[in-house]
C-alpha cells in the first residue's frame, strides 16, 4: 500500500471513531474543576458539604449567598466572589446535570 493509501485509510478510521463519539459529553465550564478540590463526589466523604445531587438552583443560590456575604463561610465566600453570577450558574448547571467537579 502506498503512503497515499495509508493516509486515506487512517483518515477514514479517524472519521469512523469521531462518528462514534458521545455527542452529549459536555465540557466543564471554566472554574468547575476547582470544586473537586474540596467537594467530594461521594456523600459523607470529608468535612465539606456534598454538592452532587443538588439542583442547579440550590447550587447557584448558595453561591450567590456566599458572594453577597449573606451565608457565612471561612473560604467559600472568597471563592464565590471570584465567579460572576453567570459563571456560577454555568457551574451549578454542570454539577446538577451529574457531571463531576
Protein backbone atom coordinates (compact mmCIF):
# COMPACT_ATOMS: atom_id res chain seq x y z
CA UNK A 1 0.00 0.00 0.00
CA UNK A 2 1.32 3.45 -0.85
CA UNK A 3 1.69 6.36 1.56
CA UNK A 4 -1.37 7.98 -0.01
CA UNK A 5 -3.37 4.78 0.52
CA UNK A 6 -2.24 4.52 4.16
CA UNK A 7 -3.12 8.13 4.91
CA UNK A 8 -6.55 7.72 3.29
CA UNK A 9 -7.19 4.61 5.37
CA UNK A 10 -6.09 6.41 8.54
CA UNK A 11 -8.38 9.36 7.81
CA UNK A 12 -11.30 7.01 7.21
CA UNK A 13 -10.63 5.26 10.52
CA UNK A 14 -10.45 8.57 12.37
CA UNK A 15 -13.73 9.66 10.79
CA UNK A 16 -15.42 6.47 11.99
CA UNK A 17 -14.07 6.97 15.51
CA UNK A 18 -15.35 10.55 15.59
CA UNK A 19 -18.82 9.49 14.46
CA UNK A 20 -18.95 7.02 17.35
CA UNK A 21 -18.00 9.64 19.95
CA UNK A 22 -20.65 10.53 22.51
CA UNK A 23 -22.34 13.75 21.36
CA UNK A 24 -23.72 14.61 24.82
CA UNK A 25 -20.37 14.99 26.57
CA UNK A 26 -20.30 18.49 27.97
CA UNK A 27 -17.03 20.17 28.78
CA UNK A 28 -16.75 21.60 32.27
CA UNK A 29 -17.25 25.36 32.44
CA UNK A 30 -14.27 27.44 33.47
CA UNK A 31 -13.67 27.10 37.19
CA UNK A 32 -15.73 23.94 37.70
CA UNK A 33 -12.69 21.76 38.21
CA UNK A 34 -11.75 23.76 41.30
CA UNK A 35 -14.86 22.43 43.10
CA UNK A 36 -13.40 18.94 43.40
CA UNK A 37 -10.53 20.25 45.48
CA UNK A 38 -12.90 20.38 48.46
CA UNK A 39 -16.24 18.84 47.44
CA UNK A 40 -16.02 15.07 47.17
CA UNK A 41 -18.19 13.32 44.58
CA UNK A 42 -19.12 10.74 47.25
CA UNK A 43 -21.54 11.63 50.06
CA UNK A 44 -20.14 11.56 53.57
CA UNK A 45 -16.51 11.95 52.50
CA UNK A 46 -14.70 14.87 54.09
CA UNK A 47 -15.94 17.78 56.16
CA UNK A 48 -17.09 19.92 53.22
CA UNK A 49 -20.75 19.57 52.17
CA UNK A 50 -21.52 17.21 49.30
CA UNK A 51 -22.88 19.14 46.29
CA UNK A 52 -23.55 16.35 43.79
CA UNK A 53 -27.27 15.68 43.64
CA UNK A 54 -28.24 19.26 44.45
CA UNK A 55 -30.28 21.19 41.89
CA UNK A 56 -28.73 23.96 39.82
CA UNK A 57 -30.93 26.46 41.68
CA UNK A 58 -29.66 25.22 45.06
CA UNK A 59 -26.01 25.44 43.99
CA UNK A 60 -26.36 28.82 42.25
CA UNK A 61 -28.36 30.16 45.21
CA UNK A 62 -25.70 29.09 47.68
CA UNK A 63 -23.01 30.68 45.52
CA UNK A 64 -24.99 33.95 45.43
CA UNK A 65 -25.40 33.86 49.22
CA UNK A 66 -21.67 33.25 49.70
CA UNK A 67 -20.83 36.04 47.23
CA UNK A 68 -23.10 38.57 49.00
CA UNK A 69 -21.96 37.60 52.49
CA UNK A 70 -25.49 36.50 53.43
CA UNK A 71 -24.23 32.97 54.04
CA UNK A 72 -21.28 32.76 56.45
CA UNK A 73 -18.18 30.87 55.39
CA UNK A 74 -14.49 30.63 56.06
CA UNK A 75 -13.35 30.10 52.45
CA UNK A 76 -16.34 29.66 50.16
CA UNK A 77 -17.30 33.34 50.34
CA UNK A 78 -13.93 34.29 48.86
CA UNK A 79 -14.16 31.59 46.20
CA UNK A 80 -17.71 32.64 45.22
CA UNK A 81 -16.62 36.26 44.77
CA UNK A 82 -14.23 35.04 42.07
CA UNK A 83 -17.14 33.96 39.86
CA UNK A 84 -19.78 36.10 38.20
CA UNK A 85 -23.45 35.16 38.54
CA UNK A 86 -23.39 33.72 35.00
CA UNK A 87 -20.25 31.67 35.73
CA UNK A 88 -21.78 30.37 38.97
CA UNK A 89 -24.96 29.39 37.10
CA UNK A 90 -22.96 27.54 34.42
CA UNK A 91 -21.03 25.61 37.06
CA UNK A 92 -24.23 24.87 39.00
CA UNK A 93 -25.97 23.52 35.91
CA UNK A 94 -22.94 21.39 35.03
CA UNK A 95 -22.75 19.87 38.52
CA UNK A 96 -26.53 19.38 38.73
CA UNK A 97 -26.50 17.56 35.38
CA UNK A 98 -24.45 14.84 37.04
CA UNK A 99 -21.02 15.96 35.96
CA UNK A 100 -18.25 15.58 38.49
CA UNK A 101 -16.36 18.67 39.53
